[in-house]
Amino acid sequence: MILYIDESGFQNNWTFVAVKILSEESARSSLSKWRRYAATVSKKFKANEYKDSKTPDQQRQKVLYEIAKKGFQFWVVHFVNYRGHKKDYSEAIVELIMQVDLTNVNLIILDKVERSGRYMDKHVERVREELSCSCVMRWGLSEKEKGIQIADAICGAASRDFNRMSAPSYFSLIEHLLCGRKIIKNNLA
């Protein structure tokens, strides 16, 4: 079992999502169905990667529908007054992972949020030290990790729902798969 982690920010409110997926193939099949659908509704469609922020509402709805059919469990942490990745990223990831049932999880993959792999390695090391986690943990690139793309879709929906944005969130399509939700207010901002 793999735990994929992604984040989405709106002003100083950031949403972090952890999604349990049995295998990379499960994630790939959901995205393949979205890709086929997107190609039929847009003649100019040429995406190799699902990016929630660049995806039209109809396609967001389709990918979340496919995620709901697969039954991927997920956990959400909303971090209010987030000061940026350098200051709060590791803490946010620790808070998120502490919410997750790690039973049967043998790998945790974080989305790369820093330009430098060295900085991402430092985040992974801080999280690992804080949690004393026995799982293998690493960071990955969303264009290569289909599970991170699934987490991106869920995270975008959760963020739009939490921030009550004008764009439809479609969170109701996947809400039944939500295993835990927490709001953390950072008073240091």
Foldseek 3Di string as FASTA:
>chain_A
DEWEKDKDDDDQKIKIKIKDDPDLVLLVVLVVQLLVVVVVVDVPDDDLFQAPVPDDLVSLLSSLLSVLVSLIAMEMEIEGRHPDCVPCVLVVVLVRVVLDDCVPHQEYEYEDPDPDLVVQVVSQVSNCVVVVDPHHYGYDHRSVRSVNRSSNSQNQLVVCVVVVPPRHSSNVSRVVSYPYYYYHYDPPD
